[in-house]
Amino acid sequence: MSEQLVKALPLQGQRILITRTSEQAGTFSEQLKALGATPVEFPTILIVPPEDWEPLDNALKRLCQADWYDWLVFTSANGVRICFGRLQKLGYDTRSLGDVRVAAIGPATALELAKYGVTVDLVPDEYIAEGIAFALLDDARKLGESLERKKVLLARAAEARNTLVTELQQAGASVEVVAAYRTVGVTYEDERGREVVRLLEAQQLDILTFTSSSIVRNFMQWLIQFDSDVANALLTSITRHERPKIACIGPITAQTAREFGLDVHIEAQEYTIAGLIEAIIRNKEKS
């Protein structure tokens, strides 16, 4: 392969597993294809409604009717889509948000908010829960204030970590957490899952990508229950031969992967899909 082609298609010949939800996998796949890779999509989680819409609906009504909250915080693009879908069902739109300030965990979430015409007031430098907590505290300090008695609405996945909530509460904020959605794992009968097992057994996957802790958990739990022998063989191959390589979007996801016995070979420095792709390319260039 010519040097010019290698630069244009740095991931040529790499078969890369994408484990994101179906709604989020498409853009990732297209970007990998443009770099010469062969993406294999296997969504290991599904986004489903919360068990009860009432807590979210009531919080959104308070947000729109009473200017109840000081901050509205989103930790995923999924949360944005679902919340604004519920707002529309309740008869509100972005003009109903009033003076509430809006924080997004990262650029993808901020971009999703922009689609609804919402101006984001705060995006942390580090795109994790700890980053949002630090940014909110820093913002308050710059204004000569504190988070004492500030009301924060956090609409997120039902299974999310409590780190953000704990840190904000320790700073004196009143945090209301409502489930905007739940994540559930795929079933054993999933045909794409059977194809992934075949590719794993044949050692025909070069890289497995993970973009959240819940995806790691669901993938490994699914694989262990589907075929524990394949799961054990995967762990052995990763440890001894670094094949397939494990690529994670950031340190929280990487830590979850390690808790399941996976060696992490690639970790994004910027916790975005673009950052993950950049890390994959850098790793390939070194090999």
Protein backbone atom coordinates (compact mmCIF):
# COMPACT_ATOMS: atom_id res chain seq x y z
CA MET A 1 0.00 0.00 0.00
CA SER A 2 1.44 3.38 -0.97
CA GLU A 3 2.38 5.93 1.70
CA GLN A 4 -0.15 8.36 0.23
CA LEU A 5 -2.96 5.80 0.51
CA VAL A 6 -1.97 4.96 4.08
CA LYS A 7 -2.30 8.64 5.00
CA ALA A 8 -5.68 8.91 3.26
CA LEU A 9 -7.00 5.60 4.66
CA PRO A 10 -5.13 5.07 7.93
CA LEU A 11 -7.56 2.37 9.12
CA GLN A 12 -7.59 0.37 5.88
CA GLY A 13 -8.29 -3.31 6.59
CA GLN A 14 -9.36 -2.80 10.19
CA ARG A 15 -12.62 -4.46 11.19
CA ILE A 16 -13.98 -2.41 14.09
CA LEU A 17 -16.93 -3.31 16.33
CA ILE A 18 -19.31 -0.46 17.20
CA THR A 19 -21.40 -1.17 20.29
CA ARG A 20 -23.33 2.14 20.54
CA THR A 21 -27.09 2.40 20.22
CA SER A 22 -28.54 2.19 16.71
CA GLU A 23 -29.45 5.88 16.83
CA GLN A 24 -25.84 6.88 17.53
CA ALA A 25 -23.87 4.29 15.56
CA GLY A 26 -24.46 5.66 12.05
CA THR A 27 -22.19 8.70 12.18
CA PHE A 28 -19.42 6.71 13.88
CA SER A 29 -19.66 4.03 11.17
CA GLU A 30 -19.50 6.56 8.34
CA GLN A 31 -16.44 8.24 9.82
CA LEU A 32 -14.65 4.90 10.15
CA LYS A 33 -15.56 3.89 6.60
CA ALA A 34 -14.12 7.16 5.31
CA LEU A 35 -10.82 6.19 6.94
CA GLY A 36 -10.77 2.75 5.30
CA ALA A 37 -12.13 0.65 8.18
CA THR A 38 -14.89 -1.93 8.01
CA PRO A 39 -17.33 -1.12 10.84
CA VAL A 40 -19.46 -3.86 12.37
CA GLU A 41 -22.50 -2.50 14.21
CA PHE A 42 -23.84 -4.38 17.21
CA PRO A 43 -25.89 -2.11 19.52
CA THR A 44 -25.56 -3.71 22.93
CA ILE A 45 -28.02 -1.38 24.65
CA LEU A 46 -31.46 -0.10 23.80
CA ILE A 47 -32.85 3.22 24.98
CA VAL A 48 -36.31 2.71 26.48
CA PRO A 49 -38.74 4.97 28.39
CA PRO A 50 -38.53 5.26 32.18
CA GLU A 51 -40.84 3.03 34.16
CA ASP A 52 -42.93 6.09 34.97
CA TRP A 53 -43.06 9.38 33.02
CA GLU A 54 -44.66 11.31 35.89
CA PRO A 55 -41.47 12.41 37.74
CA LEU A 56 -39.94 13.78 34.53
CA ASP A 57 -43.17 15.41 33.39
CA ASN A 58 -43.69 17.07 36.77
CA ALA A 59 -40.12 18.38 36.78
CA LEU A 60 -40.52 19.78 33.27
CA LYS A 61 -43.77 21.48 34.26
CA ARG A 62 -42.03 23.15 37.21
CA LEU A 63 -39.23 24.18 34.89
CA CYS A 64 -41.60 25.84 32.41
CA GLN A 65 -44.31 27.18 34.69
CA ALA A 66 -42.50 28.41 37.77
CA ASP A 67 -38.86 29.13 36.86
CA TRP A 68 -38.16 26.65 39.62
CA TYR A 69 -34.60 25.66 38.73
CA ASP A 70 -31.34 27.59 38.45
CA TRP A 71 -29.61 24.96 36.32
CA LEU A 72 -30.78 22.34 33.82
CA VAL A 73 -28.03 19.75 33.34
CA PHE A 74 -27.77 17.16 30.57
CA THR A 75 -25.23 14.35 30.57
CA SER A 76 -26.11 12.80 27.20
CA ALA A 77 -27.64 13.58 23.83
CA ASN A 78 -30.21 10.88 24.56
CA GLY A 79 -31.42 12.83 27.59
CA VAL A 80 -31.77 15.97 25.47
CA ARG A 81 -33.85 14.26 22.78
CA ILE A 82 -36.17 12.60 25.24
CA CYS A 83 -36.67 15.65 27.45
CA PHE A 84 -37.52 17.93 24.55
CA GLY A 85 -39.81 15.27 23.14
CA ARG A 86 -41.68 15.26 26.45
CA LEU A 87 -41.74 19.07 26.55
CA GLN A 88 -43.46 19.10 23.18
CA LYS A 89 -45.98 16.47 24.32
CA LEU A 90 -46.76 18.66 27.33
CA GLY A 91 -47.36 21.64 25.07
CA TYR A 92 -44.13 23.57 25.76
CA ASP A 93 -41.19 24.64 23.64
CA THR A 94 -37.77 26.16 24.26
CA ARG A 95 -39.29 29.59 24.89
CA SER A 96 -40.90 28.11 28.00
CA LEU A 97 -37.54 27.47 29.65
CA GLY A 98 -37.31 30.98 31.06
CA ASP A 99 -34.07 32.06 32.68
CA VAL A 100 -32.76 28.63 33.61
CA ARG A 101 -29.09 28.15 32.75
CA VAL A 102 -28.19 25.04 30.77
CA ALA A 103 -25.12 22.81 31.13
CA ALA A 104 -24.06 20.03 28.76
CA ILE A 105 -21.50 17.34 29.52
CA GLY A 106 -19.75 17.71 26.17
CA PRO A 107 -19.91 19.01 22.60
CA ALA A 108 -22.18 16.24 21.27
CA THR A 109 -24.77 17.00 23.96
CA ALA A 110 -24.39 20.74 23.33
CA LEU A 111 -24.90 20.16 19.60
CA GLU A 112 -28.09 18.22 20.31
CA LEU A 113 -29.37 21.13 22.42
CA ALA A 114 -28.56 23.55 19.61
CA LYS A 115 -30.89 21.56 17.34
CA TYR A 116 -33.72 22.65 19.64
CA GLY A 117 -32.56 26.25 19.65
CA VAL A 118 -31.14 26.10 23.15
CA THR A 119 -28.05 28.13 23.98
CA VAL A 120 -25.72 26.21 26.27
CA ASP A 121 -24.25 28.25 29.11
CA LEU A 122 -21.64 25.77 30.25
CA VAL A 123 -19.62 22.88 28.80
CA PRO A 124 -16.81 21.54 31.00
CA ASP A 125 -13.24 21.11 29.81
CA GLU A 126 -13.37 17.45 30.84
CA TYR A 127 -16.41 15.64 29.44
CA ILE A 128 -17.30 13.52 32.46
CA ALA A 129 -19.55 13.99 35.50
CA GLU A 130 -16.65 15.21 37.62
CA GLY A 131 -15.94 17.80 34.92
CA ILE A 132 -19.46 19.21 35.08
CA ALA A 133 -19.34 19.42 38.88
CA PHE A 134 -16.03 21.31 38.75
CA ALA A 135 -17.29 23.64 35.99
CA LEU A 136 -20.47 24.50 37.91
CA LEU A 137 -18.48 25.24 41.07
CA ASP A 138 -15.97 27.31 39.10
CA ASP A 139 -18.74 29.25 37.38
CA ALA A 140 -20.31 30.10 40.74
CA ARG A 141 -16.95 31.27 42.12
CA LYS A 142 -16.37 33.53 39.12
CA LEU A 143 -19.74 35.15 39.76
CA GLY A 144 -18.88 35.66 43.40
CA GLU A 145 -21.54 33.13 44.41
CA SER A 146 -21.79 29.56 45.59
CA LEU A 147 -24.05 26.65 44.76
CA GLU A 148 -25.66 26.88 48.18
CA ARG A 149 -29.45 26.45 47.76
CA LYS A 150 -29.17 26.50 43.97
CA LYS A 151 -31.79 24.23 42.41
CA VAL A 152 -30.41 21.84 39.80
CA LEU A 153 -32.51 19.60 37.55
CA LEU A 154 -30.58 16.60 36.27
CA ALA A 155 -32.42 14.55 33.65
CA ARG A 156 -30.44 11.44 32.80
CA ALA A 157 -30.39 7.66 32.45
CA ALA A 158 -31.90 5.78 35.38
CA GLU A 159 -28.66 3.78 35.77
CA ALA A 160 -26.17 6.68 35.79
CA ARG A 161 -23.40 7.17 38.35
CA ASN A 162 -24.15 9.34 41.38
CA THR A 163 -20.82 11.20 41.32
CA LEU A 164 -22.27 14.43 39.94
CA VAL A 165 -25.20 14.42 42.36
CA THR A 166 -22.95 13.80 45.36
CA GLU A 167 -20.47 16.55 44.49
CA LEU A 168 -23.20 19.13 43.87
CA GLN A 169 -25.01 18.23 47.08
CA GLN A 170 -21.76 18.53 49.04
CA ALA A 171 -21.48 22.07 47.59
CA GLY A 172 -24.92 22.87 49.02
CA ALA A 173 -26.99 22.56 45.85
CA SER A 174 -30.48 21.08 45.83
CA VAL A 175 -30.34 18.43 43.11
CA GLU A 176 -33.44 16.85 41.64
CA VAL A 177 -32.63 13.71 39.65
CA VAL A 178 -35.24 12.36 37.26
CA ALA A 179 -34.97 9.40 34.92
CA ALA A 180 -35.44 10.50 31.31
CA TYR A 181 -34.78 6.99 30.01
CA ARG A 182 -33.46 3.54 30.84
CA THR A 183 -30.93 1.38 29.07
CA VAL A 184 -31.56 -2.34 28.60
CA GLY A 185 -29.35 -5.00 27.12
CA VAL A 186 -29.83 -6.93 23.90
CA THR A 187 -31.43 -10.37 23.86
CA TYR A 188 -29.69 -13.66 23.18
CA GLU A 189 -31.64 -14.03 19.94
CA ASP A 190 -30.11 -10.93 18.34
CA GLU A 191 -28.82 -11.99 14.92
CA ARG A 192 -26.11 -9.34 14.88
CA GLY A 193 -24.88 -10.70 18.19
CA ARG A 194 -24.55 -14.18 16.72
CA GLU A 195 -22.48 -12.72 13.89
CA VAL A 196 -20.24 -10.93 16.42
CA VAL A 197 -19.65 -14.22 18.24
CA ARG A 198 -18.69 -15.86 14.94
CA LEU A 199 -16.24 -13.04 14.20
CA LEU A 200 -14.76 -13.28 17.69
CA GLU A 201 -14.30 -17.03 17.39
CA ALA A 202 -12.61 -16.58 14.00
CA GLN A 203 -10.47 -13.70 15.41
CA GLN A 204 -11.75 -11.44 12.66
CA LEU A 205 -12.35 -8.34 14.77
CA ASP A 206 -9.39 -5.98 15.18
CA ILE A 207 -10.86 -3.46 17.61
CA LEU A 208 -13.84 -3.39 20.00
CA THR A 209 -15.03 0.14 20.79
CA PHE A 210 -16.90 1.18 23.92
CA THR A 211 -18.41 4.63 24.46
CA SER A 212 -19.96 4.26 27.93
CA SER A 213 -19.76 2.11 31.02
CA SER A 214 -23.29 0.80 30.51
CA ILE A 215 -22.30 -0.44 27.04
CA VAL A 216 -19.29 -2.29 28.48
CA ARG A 217 -21.43 -3.91 31.16
CA ASN A 218 -24.18 -4.96 28.78
CA PHE A 219 -21.75 -6.30 26.17
CA MET A 220 -19.80 -8.40 28.66
CA GLN A 221 -22.88 -9.65 30.51
CA TRP A 222 -24.49 -10.57 27.19
CA LEU A 223 -21.36 -12.37 25.96
CA ILE A 224 -20.83 -14.29 29.20
CA GLN A 225 -24.44 -15.45 29.26
CA PHE A 226 -24.52 -16.18 25.53
CA ASP A 227 -21.33 -18.25 25.52
CA SER A 228 -18.97 -18.19 28.50
CA ASP A 229 -16.32 -20.12 26.56
CA VAL A 230 -16.18 -17.40 23.91
CA ALA A 231 -15.98 -14.76 26.65
CA ASN A 232 -13.06 -16.54 28.33
CA ALA A 233 -11.31 -17.02 24.99
CA LEU A 234 -11.76 -13.30 24.27
CA LEU A 235 -10.15 -12.31 27.57
CA THR A 236 -7.25 -14.68 26.94
CA SER A 237 -6.69 -13.40 23.40
CA ILE A 238 -6.81 -9.77 24.51
CA THR A 239 -4.30 -10.40 27.30
CA ARG A 240 -1.85 -12.59 25.39
CA HIS A 241 -2.09 -11.29 21.84
CA GLU A 242 -3.70 -7.82 22.12
CA ARG A 243 -6.31 -8.98 19.62
CA PRO A 244 -8.87 -7.63 19.42
CA LYS A 245 -7.75 -4.34 20.90
CA ILE A 246 -10.08 -2.57 23.31
CA ALA A 247 -10.77 1.12 22.63
CA CYS A 248 -12.61 3.30 25.17
CA ILE A 249 -13.93 6.85 24.91
CA GLY A 250 -12.56 7.93 28.28
CA PRO A 251 -11.29 6.94 31.74
CA ILE A 252 -14.64 6.03 33.31
CA THR A 253 -15.50 3.63 30.47
CA ALA A 254 -11.94 2.26 30.53
CA GLN A 255 -12.17 1.58 34.26
CA THR A 256 -15.41 -0.37 33.78
CA ALA A 257 -13.75 -2.39 31.00
CA ARG A 258 -10.86 -3.28 33.31
CA GLU A 259 -13.33 -4.34 36.02
CA PHE A 260 -14.57 -6.95 33.55
CA GLY A 261 -11.03 -8.19 32.92
CA LEU A 262 -10.46 -6.35 29.64
CA ASP A 263 -7.06 -4.83 28.94
CA VAL A 264 -7.58 -1.35 27.48
CA HIS A 265 -5.16 -0.62 24.64
CA ILE A 266 -6.68 2.62 23.34
CA GLU A 267 -8.16 5.45 25.40
CA ALA A 268 -9.30 8.76 23.96
CA GLN A 269 -7.69 11.90 25.39
CA GLU A 270 -10.72 13.97 24.35
CA TYR A 271 -13.85 12.11 25.46
CA THR A 272 -15.71 12.33 22.16
CA ILE A 273 -16.16 10.13 19.10
CA ALA A 274 -13.68 12.31 17.23
CA GLY A 275 -11.23 11.86 20.10
CA LEU A 276 -11.75 8.09 20.07
CA ILE A 277 -11.14 7.88 16.33
CA GLU A 278 -7.99 9.97 16.70
CA ALA A 279 -6.73 7.62 19.42
CA ILE A 280 -7.43 4.58 17.22
CA ILE A 281 -5.46 6.12 14.35
CA ARG A 282 -2.53 6.98 16.63
CA ASN A 283 -2.45 3.43 17.94
CA LYS A 284 -2.52 2.01 14.42
CA GLU A 285 0.37 4.26 13.38
CA LYS A 286 2.47 2.93 16.26
CA SER A 287 1.84 -0.73 15.44
